[in-house]
Amino acid sequence: MTQSSWLEISLTVDGELAESVAEVMARFIPDGVVIESTAVTANLNDSVDHAVGPLRVFGYLPYDSQLEETRRHLEESLWYLGRIRPLPEVKTRLIQQTNWAESWKQHYQPIAVGNKLMIVPTWIEPPSLDRIPVRIDPGMAFGTGTHPSTQMCLEIMESQATKASEAFRDWEVIDLGCGTAILAIAALKLGAKHALGVDIDSEAIRAAQENAKTNGVADRLEVGVGSLAEILAGAFSFQKAHLLLANILTPVLISLLDKGLCDLLTSQGYLVLSGVLLEQAWEIEAAVQRHNLCFIDRRQIGDWVALCYQSGEKPTGTQSRHL
């Protein structure tokens, strides 16, 4: 392999599921998928070892500019397969991490987003004093600023911060599925009072903590392993946000909406949903109809859509937007 760094994707499943999982993964992994036994046992009647126990299905994604989008599609496809029969959590492992860091230095440059923000790799000095730098080193976590879903979240957040003006300085923000915490950090650098970032991936939390320190906002950013249930249960310092950000897969967004996502919003708080493919936007709209949310904004880049809603009663005569 000439690619300098790879992300290993693996699941350990029983023999009945292994072929189905491998078939789904092979749609996205260019160099093939491997199925290996997790243990072998010797048969005293012959000289051949036999596989026992569950099987490990794995493959490698090139760590390049397409990684985030490819991984999203792969995980979404596995999520749908998991609706038929539950699957274990996907495990990831970075191969040749040192070379990956060098690869980032070669291929990624600062990215201007919206009117005020600029995503800057930590190894590059911010090129413009006219924009607010958000310095990110992704490590093994999602959230580099290159994916359209992240950029649209940032654009909508900046727009709401600008409209709120000085009031934004009193806002608290929750970033659900925070990855590198790029969204939470940007909110703080735009002037928000306090942010909470949660993720089920401990590697993401480590990256988020380092990025918070780099950006000088560690004292205002709380991060931890968890998701909606942990926030609702009071595991963190606050449970309500003026701005709630969820840049996740569409099926997960719908599930979260039905499990109480809107309970995290203050009165008249804003909910930004991203990670939505254009062809799935109607599913989000249908899910939103079940909750007391008013349509505020919609952004689209290519095949990706981000949506913004506000909690509270809809103004008289206002109808929800159908996508």
C-alpha atoms as a PDB file:
ATOM      1  CA  MET A   1       0.000   0.000   0.000  1.00  0.00           C
ATOM      2  CA  THR A   2       1.397   3.380  -0.924  1.00  0.00           C
ATOM      3  CA  GLN A   3      -1.144   5.272   1.178  1.00  0.00           C
ATOM      4  CA  SER A   4       0.777   6.579   4.186  1.00  0.00           C
ATOM      5  CA  SER A   5      -2.002   6.120   6.722  1.00  0.00           C
ATOM      6  CA  TRP A   6      -5.211   4.155   7.099  1.00  0.00           C
ATOM      7  CA  LEU A   7      -8.184   3.934   9.410  1.00  0.00           C
ATOM      8  CA  GLU A   8      -8.958   0.352  10.344  1.00  0.00           C
ATOM      9  CA  ILE A   9     -12.703  -0.362  10.641  1.00  0.00           C
ATOM     10  CA  SER A  10     -13.674  -3.571  12.431  1.00  0.00           C
ATOM     11  CA  LEU A  11     -16.634  -5.401  13.944  1.00  0.00           C
ATOM     12  CA  THR A  12     -16.647  -8.698  15.812  1.00  0.00           C
ATOM     13  CA  VAL A  13     -19.787 -10.686  15.028  1.00  0.00           C
ATOM     14  CA  ASP A  14     -21.023 -14.275  14.884  1.00  0.00           C
ATOM     15  CA  GLY A  15     -20.696 -16.391  11.762  1.00  0.00           C
ATOM     16  CA  GLU A  16     -24.269 -15.706  10.675  1.00  0.00           C
ATOM     17  CA  LEU A  17     -23.683 -11.957  10.486  1.00  0.00           C
ATOM     18  CA  ALA A  18     -20.109 -11.946   9.189  1.00  0.00           C
ATOM     19  CA  GLU A  19     -20.945 -12.236   5.493  1.00  0.00           C
ATOM     20  CA  SER A  20     -23.618  -9.525   5.658  1.00  0.00           C
ATOM     21  CA  VAL A  21     -21.297  -7.147   7.488  1.00  0.00           C
ATOM     22  CA  ALA A  22     -18.479  -7.863   5.033  1.00  0.00           C
ATOM     23  CA  GLU A  23     -20.780  -7.195   2.069  1.00  0.00           C
ATOM     24  CA  VAL A  24     -21.791  -3.801   3.467  1.00  0.00           C
ATOM     25  CA  MET A  25     -18.212  -2.798   4.320  1.00  0.00           C
ATOM     26  CA  ALA A  26     -16.918  -3.881   0.894  1.00  0.00           C
ATOM     27  CA  ARG A  27     -19.068  -1.185  -0.756  1.00  0.00           C
ATOM     28  CA  PHE A  28     -16.875   1.490   0.805  1.00  0.00           C
ATOM     29  CA  ILE A  29     -13.473  -0.119   1.412  1.00  0.00           C
ATOM     30  CA  PRO A  30     -11.404  -0.075  -1.810  1.00  0.00           C
ATOM     31  CA  ASP A  31      -8.915  -2.857  -1.073  1.00  0.00           C
ATOM     32  CA  GLY A  32     -11.253  -5.545   0.223  1.00  0.00           C
ATOM     33  CA  VAL A  33     -12.569  -6.815   3.530  1.00  0.00           C
ATOM     34  CA  VAL A  34     -11.073  -9.571   5.690  1.00  0.00           C
ATOM     35  CA  ILE A  35     -12.966 -12.069   7.844  1.00  0.00           C
ATOM     36  CA  GLU A  36     -10.792 -13.751  10.469  1.00  0.00           C
ATOM     37  CA  SER A  37     -11.470 -16.011  13.411  1.00  0.00           C
ATOM     38  CA  THR A  38     -10.915 -14.648  16.893  1.00  0.00           C
ATOM     39  CA  ALA A  39      -9.769 -18.012  18.256  1.00  0.00           C
ATOM     40  CA  VAL A  40      -8.801 -21.464  17.072  1.00  0.00           C
ATOM     41  CA  THR A  41      -8.873 -24.858  18.711  1.00  0.00           C
ATOM     42  CA  ALA A  42      -6.877 -27.956  17.860  1.00  0.00           C
ATOM     43  CA  ASN A  43      -8.807 -31.088  16.928  1.00  0.00           C
ATOM     44  CA  LEU A  44      -7.109 -34.163  18.366  1.00  0.00           C
ATOM     45  CA  ASN A  45      -8.450 -36.333  15.523  1.00  0.00           C
ATOM     46  CA  ASP A  46      -6.643 -34.407  12.785  1.00  0.00           C
ATOM     47  CA  SER A  47      -3.802 -31.943  12.358  1.00  0.00           C
ATOM     48  CA  VAL A  48      -5.926 -28.920  11.430  1.00  0.00           C
ATOM     49  CA  ASP A  49      -6.873 -26.077  13.768  1.00  0.00           C
ATOM     50  CA  HIS A  50     -10.514 -24.961  13.608  1.00  0.00           C
ATOM     51  CA  ALA A  51     -12.029 -21.530  14.059  1.00  0.00           C
ATOM     52  CA  VAL A  52     -14.193 -21.089  17.127  1.00  0.00           C
ATOM     53  CA  GLY A  53     -16.146 -18.228  18.596  1.00  0.00           C
ATOM     54  CA  PRO A  54     -17.049 -14.955  16.839  1.00  0.00           C
ATOM     55  CA  LEU A  55     -15.446 -13.624  13.669  1.00  0.00           C
ATOM     56  CA  ARG A  56     -13.691 -10.306  13.196  1.00  0.00           C
ATOM     57  CA  VAL A  57     -14.603  -8.428   9.999  1.00  0.00           C
ATOM     58  CA  PHE A  58     -12.267  -5.598   9.115  1.00  0.00           C
ATOM     59  CA  GLY A  59     -10.873  -3.408   6.360  1.00  0.00           C
ATOM     60  CA  TYR A  60      -8.968  -0.162   5.841  1.00  0.00           C
ATOM     61  CA  LEU A  61     -10.072   3.271   4.680  1.00  0.00           C
ATOM     62  CA  PRO A  62      -7.417   5.617   3.275  1.00  0.00           C
ATOM     63  CA  TYR A  63      -6.956   8.600   5.572  1.00  0.00           C
ATOM     64  CA  ASP A  64      -7.540  11.324   3.006  1.00  0.00           C
ATOM     65  CA  SER A  65      -9.929  14.198   2.266  1.00  0.00           C
ATOM     66  CA  GLN A  66     -12.761  11.735   1.528  1.00  0.00           C
ATOM     67  CA  LEU A  67     -12.474   9.834   4.810  1.00  0.00           C
ATOM     68  CA  GLU A  68     -15.204  11.641   6.737  1.00  0.00           C
ATOM     69  CA  GLU A  69     -17.798  11.272   4.003  1.00  0.00           C
ATOM     70  CA  THR A  70     -16.913   7.629   3.270  1.00  0.00           C
ATOM     71  CA  ARG A  71     -17.012   6.733   6.955  1.00  0.00           C
ATOM     72  CA  ARG A  72     -20.402   8.425   7.361  1.00  0.00           C
ATOM     73  CA  HIS A  73     -21.869   6.397   4.496  1.00  0.00           C
ATOM     74  CA  LEU A  74     -20.325   3.168   5.807  1.00  0.00           C
ATOM     75  CA  GLU A  75     -21.590   3.681   9.366  1.00  0.00           C
ATOM     76  CA  GLU A  76     -25.031   4.629   8.120  1.00  0.00           C
ATOM     77  CA  SER A  77     -25.236   1.444   6.035  1.00  0.00           C
ATOM     78  CA  LEU A  78     -24.181  -0.617   9.052  1.00  0.00           C
ATOM     79  CA  TRP A  79     -26.807   1.184  11.141  1.00  0.00           C
ATOM     80  CA  TYR A  80     -29.531   0.059   8.738  1.00  0.00           C
ATOM     81  CA  LEU A  81     -28.188  -3.494   8.818  1.00  0.00           C
ATOM     82  CA  GLY A  82     -28.303  -3.281  12.594  1.00  0.00           C
ATOM     83  CA  ARG A  83     -32.049  -2.593  12.466  1.00  0.00           C
ATOM     84  CA  ILE A  84     -32.477  -6.126  11.116  1.00  0.00           C
ATOM     85  CA  ARG A  85     -30.248  -7.671  13.748  1.00  0.00           C
ATOM     86  CA  PRO A  86     -28.276  -5.735  16.380  1.00  0.00           C
ATOM     87  CA  LEU A  87     -24.607  -5.155  15.645  1.00  0.00           C
ATOM     88  CA  PRO A  88     -21.793  -4.412  18.094  1.00  0.00           C
ATOM     89  CA  GLU A  89     -20.092  -1.030  18.165  1.00  0.00           C
ATOM     90  CA  VAL A  90     -17.771  -0.292  15.253  1.00  0.00           C
ATOM     91  CA  LYS A  91     -14.139  -0.151  16.358  1.00  0.00           C
ATOM     92  CA  THR A  92     -11.545   2.024  14.660  1.00  0.00           C
ATOM     93  CA  ARG A  93      -7.758   2.127  14.850  1.00  0.00           C
ATOM     94  CA  LEU A  94      -5.346   4.501  13.189  1.00  0.00           C
ATOM     95  CA  ILE A  95      -2.489   2.831  11.318  1.00  0.00           C
ATOM     96  CA  GLN A  96       0.808   4.748  11.015  1.00  0.00           C
ATOM     97  CA  GLN A  97      -0.374   7.764  12.949  1.00  0.00           C
ATOM     98  CA  THR A  98       2.959   9.593  12.648  1.00  0.00           C
ATOM     99  CA  ASN A  99       2.787   9.431   8.869  1.00  0.00           C
ATOM    100  CA  TRP A 100      -0.822  10.587   9.038  1.00  0.00           C
ATOM    101  CA  ALA A 101       0.209  13.752  10.848  1.00  0.00           C
ATOM    102  CA  GLU A 102       2.691  14.466   8.081  1.00  0.00           C
ATOM    103  CA  SER A 103       0.010  13.746   5.484  1.00  0.00           C
ATOM    104  CA  TRP A 104      -2.213  16.393   7.053  1.00  0.00           C
ATOM    105  CA  LYS A 105       0.579  18.930   6.823  1.00  0.00           C
ATOM    106  CA  GLN A 106       0.928  18.212   3.101  1.00  0.00           C
ATOM    107  CA  HIS A 107      -2.717  18.143   2.054  1.00  0.00           C
ATOM    108  CA  TYR A 108      -4.780  20.413   4.325  1.00  0.00           C
ATOM    109  CA  GLN A 109      -4.822  24.180   4.354  1.00  0.00           C
ATOM    110  CA  PRO A 110      -6.903  26.759   6.250  1.00  0.00           C
ATOM    111  CA  ILE A 111     -10.584  26.805   5.282  1.00  0.00           C
ATOM    112  CA  ALA A 112     -12.678  29.975   5.438  1.00  0.00           C
ATOM    113  CA  VAL A 113     -16.242  29.283   6.600  1.00  0.00           C
ATOM    114  CA  GLY A 114     -19.087  31.777   6.639  1.00  0.00           C
ATOM    115  CA  ASN A 115     -18.198  35.439   7.089  1.00  0.00           C
ATOM    116  CA  LYS A 116     -16.107  35.235  10.249  1.00  0.00           C
ATOM    117  CA  LEU A 117     -14.567  31.831  10.830  1.00  0.00           C
ATOM    118  CA  MET A 118     -11.463  30.095   9.557  1.00  0.00           C
ATOM    119  CA  ILE A 119     -10.578  26.467  10.321  1.00  0.00           C
ATOM    120  CA  VAL A 120      -6.810  26.261  10.700  1.00  0.00           C
ATOM    121  CA  PRO A 121      -4.696  23.103  11.181  1.00  0.00           C
ATOM    122  CA  THR A 122      -2.666  23.487  14.358  1.00  0.00           C
ATOM    123  CA  TRP A 123       0.646  23.310  12.491  1.00  0.00           C
ATOM    124  CA  ILE A 124      -0.156  26.385  10.359  1.00  0.00           C
ATOM    125  CA  GLU A 125      -0.252  29.966  11.596  1.00  0.00           C
ATOM    126  CA  PRO A 126      -3.631  31.672  10.948  1.00  0.00           C
ATOM    127  CA  PRO A 127      -3.228  33.553   7.652  1.00  0.00           C
ATOM    128  CA  SER A 128      -5.784  36.296   8.273  1.00  0.00           C
ATOM    129  CA  LEU A 129      -6.509  38.553  11.223  1.00  0.00           C
ATOM    130  CA  ASP A 130      -9.899  39.389   9.687  1.00  0.00           C
ATOM    131  CA  ARG A 131     -11.333  35.985  10.641  1.00  0.00           C
ATOM    132  CA  ILE A 132     -11.658  34.078  13.883  1.00  0.00           C
ATOM    133  CA  PRO A 133      -9.266  31.095  13.791  1.00  0.00           C
ATOM    134  CA  VAL A 134     -10.499  27.729  15.029  1.00  0.00           C
ATOM    135  CA  ARG A 135      -7.360  25.609  15.318  1.00  0.00           C
ATOM    136  CA  ILE A 136      -7.928  21.880  14.950  1.00  0.00           C
ATOM    137  CA  ASP A 137      -5.764  18.775  15.125  1.00  0.00           C
ATOM    138  CA  PRO A 138      -8.110  15.855  14.423  1.00  0.00           C
ATOM    139  CA  GLY A 139      -6.061  12.991  15.824  1.00  0.00           C
ATOM    140  CA  MET A 140      -8.394  10.013  15.347  1.00  0.00           C
ATOM    141  CA  ALA A 141     -11.647  11.971  15.746  1.00  0.00           C
ATOM    142  CA  PHE A 142     -14.247  13.301  13.321  1.00  0.00           C
ATOM    143  CA  GLY A 143     -14.460  17.018  12.662  1.00  0.00           C
ATOM    144  CA  THR A 144     -11.763  18.525  10.488  1.00  0.00           C
ATOM    145  CA  GLY A 145     -13.882  21.264   8.953  1.00  0.00           C
ATOM    146  CA  THR A 146     -13.514  19.806   5.457  1.00  0.00           C
ATOM    147  CA  HIS A 147     -16.886  18.058   5.368  1.00  0.00           C
ATOM    148  CA  PRO A 148     -19.935  20.013   4.098  1.00  0.00           C
ATOM    149  CA  SER A 149     -22.044  18.980   7.091  1.00  0.00           C
ATOM    150  CA  THR A 150     -19.535  20.574   9.483  1.00  0.00           C
ATOM    151  CA  GLN A 151     -19.213  23.722   7.384  1.00  0.00           C
ATOM    152  CA  MET A 152     -22.987  24.205   7.213  1.00  0.00           C
ATOM    153  CA  CYS A 153     -23.273  23.815  10.988  1.00  0.00           C
ATOM    154  CA  LEU A 154     -20.646  26.497  11.411  1.00  0.00           C
ATOM    155  CA  GLU A 155     -22.418  28.802   8.955  1.00  0.00           C
ATOM    156  CA  ILE A 156     -25.777  28.454  10.703  1.00  0.00           C
ATOM    157  CA  MET A 157     -24.185  28.924  14.128  1.00  0.00           C
ATOM    158  CA  GLU A 158     -22.389  32.070  12.982  1.00  0.00           C
ATOM    159  CA  SER A 159     -25.643  33.402  11.534  1.00  0.00           C
ATOM    160  CA  GLN A 160     -27.539  32.853  14.790  1.00  0.00           C
ATOM    161  CA  ALA A 161     -24.701  34.342  16.840  1.00  0.00           C
ATOM    162  CA  THR A 162     -24.725  37.442  14.656  1.00  0.00           C
ATOM    163  CA  LYS A 163     -28.506  37.823  14.976  1.00  0.00           C
ATOM    164  CA  ALA A 164     -28.386  37.368  18.738  1.00  0.00           C
ATOM    165  CA  SER A 165     -25.620  39.980  18.987  1.00  0.00           C
ATOM    166  CA  GLU A 166     -24.638  40.712  22.610  1.00  0.00           C
ATOM    167  CA  ALA A 167     -27.169  38.186  23.925  1.00  0.00           C
ATOM    168  CA  PHE A 168     -25.015  35.404  22.444  1.00  0.00           C
ATOM    169  CA  ARG A 169     -22.522  36.008  25.240  1.00  0.00           C
ATOM    170  CA  ASP A 170     -25.044  34.526  27.688  1.00  0.00           C
ATOM    171  CA  TRP A 171     -25.739  31.441  25.572  1.00  0.00           C
ATOM    172  CA  GLU A 172     -24.850  27.909  26.550  1.00  0.00           C
ATOM    173  CA  VAL A 173     -24.160  25.431  23.737  1.00  0.00           C
ATOM    174  CA  ILE A 174     -24.362  21.637  23.551  1.00  0.00           C
ATOM    175  CA  ASP A 175     -22.459  19.759  20.830  1.00  0.00           C
ATOM    176  CA  LEU A 176     -23.860  16.217  20.655  1.00  0.00           C
ATOM    177  CA  GLY A 177     -21.429  13.806  18.988  1.00  0.00           C
ATOM    178  CA  CYS A 178     -18.731  16.446  19.225  1.00  0.00           C
ATOM    179  CA  GLY A 179     -15.786  14.637  17.586  1.00  0.00           C
ATOM    180  CA  THR A 180     -12.883  17.080  17.723  1.00  0.00           C
ATOM    181  CA  ALA A 181     -15.253  19.639  19.318  1.00  0.00           C
ATOM    182  CA  ILE A 182     -14.794  21.899  16.317  1.00  0.00           C
ATOM    183  CA  LEU A 183     -18.392  23.168  16.597  1.00  0.00           C
ATOM    184  CA  ALA A 184     -18.298  23.787  20.338  1.00  0.00           C
ATOM    185  CA  ILE A 185     -14.944  25.540  20.095  1.00  0.00           C
ATOM    186  CA  ALA A 186     -16.189  27.748  17.255  1.00  0.00           C
ATOM    187  CA  ALA A 187     -19.253  28.684  19.316  1.00  0.00           C
ATOM    188  CA  LEU A 188     -17.039  29.750  22.200  1.00  0.00           C
ATOM    189  CA  LYS A 189     -14.735  31.746  19.945  1.00  0.00           C
ATOM    190  CA  LEU A 190     -17.803  33.480  18.520  1.00  0.00           C
ATOM    191  CA  GLY A 191     -18.578  34.551  22.072  1.00  0.00           C
ATOM    192  CA  ALA A 192     -20.817  31.923  23.669  1.00  0.00           C
ATOM    193  CA  LYS A 193     -20.635  31.684  27.457  1.00  0.00           C
ATOM    194  CA  HIS A 194     -20.172  27.948  27.968  1.00  0.00           C
ATOM    195  CA  ALA A 195     -20.228  24.783  25.853  1.00  0.00           C
ATOM    196  CA  LEU A 196     -20.652  21.079  26.491  1.00  0.00           C
ATOM    197  CA  GLY A 197     -19.325  18.494  24.044  1.00  0.00           C
ATOM    198  CA  VAL A 198     -20.152  14.801  24.362  1.00  0.00           C
ATOM    199  CA  ASP A 199     -19.194  11.818  22.249  1.00  0.00           C
ATOM    200  CA  ILE A 200     -19.351   8.044  22.641  1.00  0.00           C
ATOM    201  CA  ASP A 201     -15.757   7.773  21.357  1.00  0.00           C
ATOM    202  CA  SER A 202     -13.095   8.294  24.040  1.00  0.00           C
ATOM    203  CA  GLU A 203     -10.542   9.173  21.327  1.00  0.00           C
ATOM    204  CA  ALA A 204     -12.794  12.077  20.318  1.00  0.00           C
ATOM    205  CA  ILE A 205     -12.879  13.356  23.897  1.00  0.00           C
ATOM    206  CA  ARG A 206      -9.090  13.306  24.084  1.00  0.00           C
ATOM    207  CA  ALA A 207      -8.863  15.233  20.792  1.00  0.00           C
ATOM    208  CA  ALA A 208     -11.526  17.683  21.998  1.00  0.00           C
ATOM    209  CA  GLN A 209      -9.607  18.414  25.204  1.00  0.00           C
ATOM    210  CA  GLU A 210      -6.383  19.101  23.323  1.00  0.00           C
ATOM    211  CA  ASN A 211      -8.130  21.311  20.767  1.00  0.00           C
ATOM    212  CA  ALA A 212      -9.840  23.269  23.538  1.00  0.00           C
ATOM    213  CA  LYS A 213      -6.444  23.990  25.123  1.00  0.00           C
ATOM    214  CA  THR A 214      -4.974  25.003  21.763  1.00  0.00           C
ATOM    215  CA  ASN A 215      -7.806  27.470  21.214  1.00  0.00           C
ATOM    216  CA  GLY A 216      -7.678  28.889  24.724  1.00  0.00           C
ATOM    217  CA  VAL A 217     -11.235  27.870  25.628  1.00  0.00           C
ATOM    218  CA  ALA A 218     -10.609  24.876  27.901  1.00  0.00           C
ATOM    219  CA  ASP A 219     -12.023  26.783  30.885  1.00  0.00           C
ATOM    220  CA  ARG A 220     -15.360  27.225  29.093  1.00  0.00           C
ATOM    221  CA  LEU A 221     -15.632  23.854  27.341  1.00  0.00           C
ATOM    222  CA  GLU A 222     -16.798  20.798  29.251  1.00  0.00           C
ATOM    223  CA  VAL A 223     -16.317  17.484  27.442  1.00  0.00           C
ATOM    224  CA  GLY A 224     -17.091  13.898  28.350  1.00  0.00           C
ATOM    225  CA  VAL A 225     -17.972  10.459  27.084  1.00  0.00           C
ATOM    226  CA  GLY A 226     -21.715  10.163  26.678  1.00  0.00           C
ATOM    227  CA  SER A 227     -24.741  11.053  24.602  1.00  0.00           C
ATOM    228  CA  LEU A 228     -28.311  12.265  25.040  1.00  0.00           C
ATOM    229  CA  ALA A 229     -29.173   9.885  27.884  1.00  0.00           C
ATOM    230  CA  GLU A 230     -26.217  10.994  30.009  1.00  0.00           C
ATOM    231  CA  ILE A 231     -27.035  14.682  29.556  1.00  0.00           C
ATOM    232  CA  LEU A 232     -30.693  14.139  30.438  1.00  0.00           C
ATOM    233  CA  ALA A 233     -29.620  12.128  33.491  1.00  0.00           C
ATOM    234  CA  GLY A 234     -27.627  15.105  34.802  1.00  0.00           C
ATOM    235  CA  ALA A 235     -24.140  13.676  34.266  1.00  0.00           C
ATOM    236  CA  PHE A 236     -22.834  17.095  33.180  1.00  0.00           C
ATOM    237  CA  SER A 237     -22.980  20.605  34.607  1.00  0.00           C
ATOM    238  CA  PHE A 238     -25.989  21.714  32.564  1.00  0.00           C
ATOM    239  CA  GLN A 239     -28.852  20.107  30.655  1.00  0.00           C
ATOM    240  CA  LYS A 240     -30.344  22.978  28.661  1.00  0.00           C
ATOM    241  CA  ALA A 241     -28.817  24.887  25.756  1.00  0.00           C
ATOM    242  CA  HIS A 242     -29.674  28.022  23.838  1.00  0.00           C
ATOM    243  CA  LEU A 243     -27.968  26.343  20.872  1.00  0.00           C
ATOM    244  CA  LEU A 244     -27.962  22.574  20.373  1.00  0.00           C
ATOM    245  CA  LEU A 245     -25.778  21.103  17.621  1.00  0.00           C
ATOM    246  CA  ALA A 246     -26.087  17.555  16.301  1.00  0.00           C
ATOM    247  CA  ASN A 247     -23.949  16.689  13.289  1.00  0.00           C
ATOM    248  CA  ILE A 248     -24.679  12.961  13.108  1.00  0.00           C
ATOM    249  CA  LEU A 249     -26.248  10.418  10.737  1.00  0.00           C
ATOM    250  CA  THR A 250     -29.901  10.879   9.786  1.00  0.00           C
ATOM    251  CA  PRO A 251     -31.187   7.662  11.445  1.00  0.00           C
ATOM    252  CA  VAL A 252     -29.435   8.615  14.670  1.00  0.00           C
ATOM    253  CA  LEU A 253     -30.869  12.150  14.542  1.00  0.00           C
ATOM    254  CA  ILE A 254     -34.386  10.753  14.160  1.00  0.00           C
ATOM    255  CA  SER A 255     -33.838   8.351  17.045  1.00  0.00           C
ATOM    256  CA  LEU A 256     -32.520  11.168  19.243  1.00  0.00           C
ATOM    257  CA  LEU A 257     -35.517  13.374  18.416  1.00  0.00           C
ATOM    258  CA  ASP A 258     -37.846  10.613  19.561  1.00  0.00           C
ATOM    259  CA  LYS A 259     -35.820  10.026  22.738  1.00  0.00           C
ATOM    260  CA  GLY A 260     -36.039  13.587  24.021  1.00  0.00           C
ATOM    261  CA  LEU A 261     -33.465  15.621  22.100  1.00  0.00           C
ATOM    262  CA  CYS A 262     -35.685  18.707  22.257  1.00  0.00           C
ATOM    263  CA  ASP A 263     -35.706  18.503  26.058  1.00  0.00           C
ATOM    264  CA  LEU A 264     -32.166  19.875  25.918  1.00  0.00           C
ATOM    265  CA  LEU A 265     -33.383  23.174  24.440  1.00  0.00           C
ATOM    266  CA  THR A 266     -34.170  26.286  26.425  1.00  0.00           C
ATOM    267  CA  SER A 267     -37.357  28.163  25.581  1.00  0.00           C
ATOM    268  CA  GLN A 268     -36.825  29.631  22.100  1.00  0.00           C
ATOM    269  CA  GLY A 269     -33.552  27.682  21.807  1.00  0.00           C
ATOM    270  CA  TYR A 270     -32.103  26.713  18.436  1.00  0.00           C
ATOM    271  CA  LEU A 271     -31.517  23.162  17.180  1.00  0.00           C
ATOM    272  CA  VAL A 272     -29.107  22.582  14.284  1.00  0.00           C
ATOM    273  CA  LEU A 273     -29.287  19.172  12.603  1.00  0.00           C
ATOM    274  CA  SER A 274     -26.635  18.195  10.078  1.00  0.00           C
ATOM    275  CA  GLY A 275     -25.111  15.085   8.526  1.00  0.00           C
ATOM    276  CA  VAL A 276     -28.302  14.764   6.454  1.00  0.00           C
ATOM    277  CA  LEU A 277     -28.193  13.541   2.863  1.00  0.00           C
ATOM    278  CA  LEU A 278     -30.498  15.442   0.501  1.00  0.00           C
ATOM    279  CA  GLU A 279     -32.547  12.340  -0.222  1.00  0.00           C
ATOM    280  CA  GLN A 280     -33.127  11.850   3.526  1.00  0.00           C
ATOM    281  CA  ALA A 281     -34.130  15.407   4.372  1.00  0.00           C
ATOM    282  CA  TRP A 282     -37.833  14.517   4.227  1.00  0.00           C
ATOM    283  CA  GLU A 283     -37.257  11.979   7.019  1.00  0.00           C
ATOM    284  CA  ILE A 284     -35.921  14.712   9.286  1.00  0.00           C
ATOM    285  CA  GLU A 285     -38.863  16.937   8.368  1.00  0.00           C
ATOM    286  CA  ALA A 286     -41.306  14.159   9.252  1.00  0.00           C
ATOM    287  CA  ALA A 287     -39.586  13.557  12.587  1.00  0.00           C
ATOM    288  CA  VAL A 288     -39.583  17.270  13.406  1.00  0.00           C
ATOM    289  CA  GLN A 289     -43.344  17.408  12.826  1.00  0.00           C
ATOM    290  CA  ARG A 290     -43.766  15.337  15.995  1.00  0.00           C
ATOM    291  CA  HIS A 291     -42.169  18.082  18.096  1.00  0.00           C
ATOM    292  CA  ASN A 292     -42.863  21.704  18.851  1.00  0.00           C
ATOM    293  CA  LEU A 293     -40.237  23.174  16.531  1.00  0.00           C
ATOM    294  CA  CYS A 294     -40.376  26.051  14.071  1.00  0.00           C
ATOM    295  CA  PHE A 295     -38.306  26.003  10.884  1.00  0.00           C
ATOM    296  CA  ILE A 296     -35.609  28.702  10.818  1.00  0.00           C
ATOM    297  CA  ASP A 297     -32.934  27.918   8.221  1.00  0.00           C
ATOM    298  CA  ARG A 298     -31.777  25.401   5.658  1.00  0.00           C
ATOM    299  CA  ARG A 299     -28.357  25.073   4.002  1.00  0.00           C
ATOM    300  CA  GLN A 300     -27.198  22.746   1.246  1.00  0.00           C
ATOM    301  CA  ILE A 301     -23.763  21.899  -0.113  1.00  0.00           C
ATOM    302  CA  GLY A 302     -23.767  19.216  -2.793  1.00  0.00           C
ATOM    303  CA  ASP A 303     -25.765  16.230  -1.542  1.00  0.00           C
ATOM    304  CA  TRP A 304     -25.652  17.343   2.096  1.00  0.00           C
ATOM    305  CA  VAL A 305     -28.240  19.372   4.003  1.00  0.00           C
ATOM    306  CA  ALA A 306     -28.268  21.130   7.385  1.00  0.00           C
ATOM    307  CA  LEU A 307     -31.437  22.359   9.075  1.00  0.00           C
ATOM    308  CA  CYS A 308     -32.108  24.803  11.893  1.00  0.00           C
ATOM    309  CA  TYR A 309     -35.231  24.859  14.060  1.00  0.00           C
ATOM    310  CA  GLN A 310     -36.364  26.860  17.088  1.00  0.00           C
ATOM    311  CA  SER A 311     -38.268  25.566  20.084  1.00  0.00           C
ATOM    312  CA  GLY A 312     -41.530  27.124  21.202  1.00  0.00           C
ATOM    313  CA  GLU A 313     -44.891  27.870  19.669  1.00  0.00           C
ATOM    314  CA  LYS A 314     -45.003  28.494  15.944  1.00  0.00           C
ATOM    315  CA  PRO A 315     -46.195  32.000  15.020  1.00  0.00           C
ATOM    316  CA  THR A 316     -49.819  32.139  13.894  1.00  0.00           C
ATOM    317  CA  GLY A 317     -50.172  31.242  10.241  1.00  0.00           C
ATOM    318  CA  THR A 318     -46.642  29.815   9.997  1.00  0.00           C
ATOM    319  CA  GLN A 319     -46.247  26.391   8.461  1.00  0.00           C
ATOM    320  CA  SER A 320     -43.295  24.062   8.682  1.00  0.00           C
ATOM    321  CA  ARG A 321     -41.114  23.860   5.612  1.00  0.00           C
ATOM    322  CA  HIS A 322     -41.479  20.648   3.609  1.00  0.00           C
ATOM    323  CA  LEU A 323     -38.309  19.546   1.869  1.00  0.00           C
END
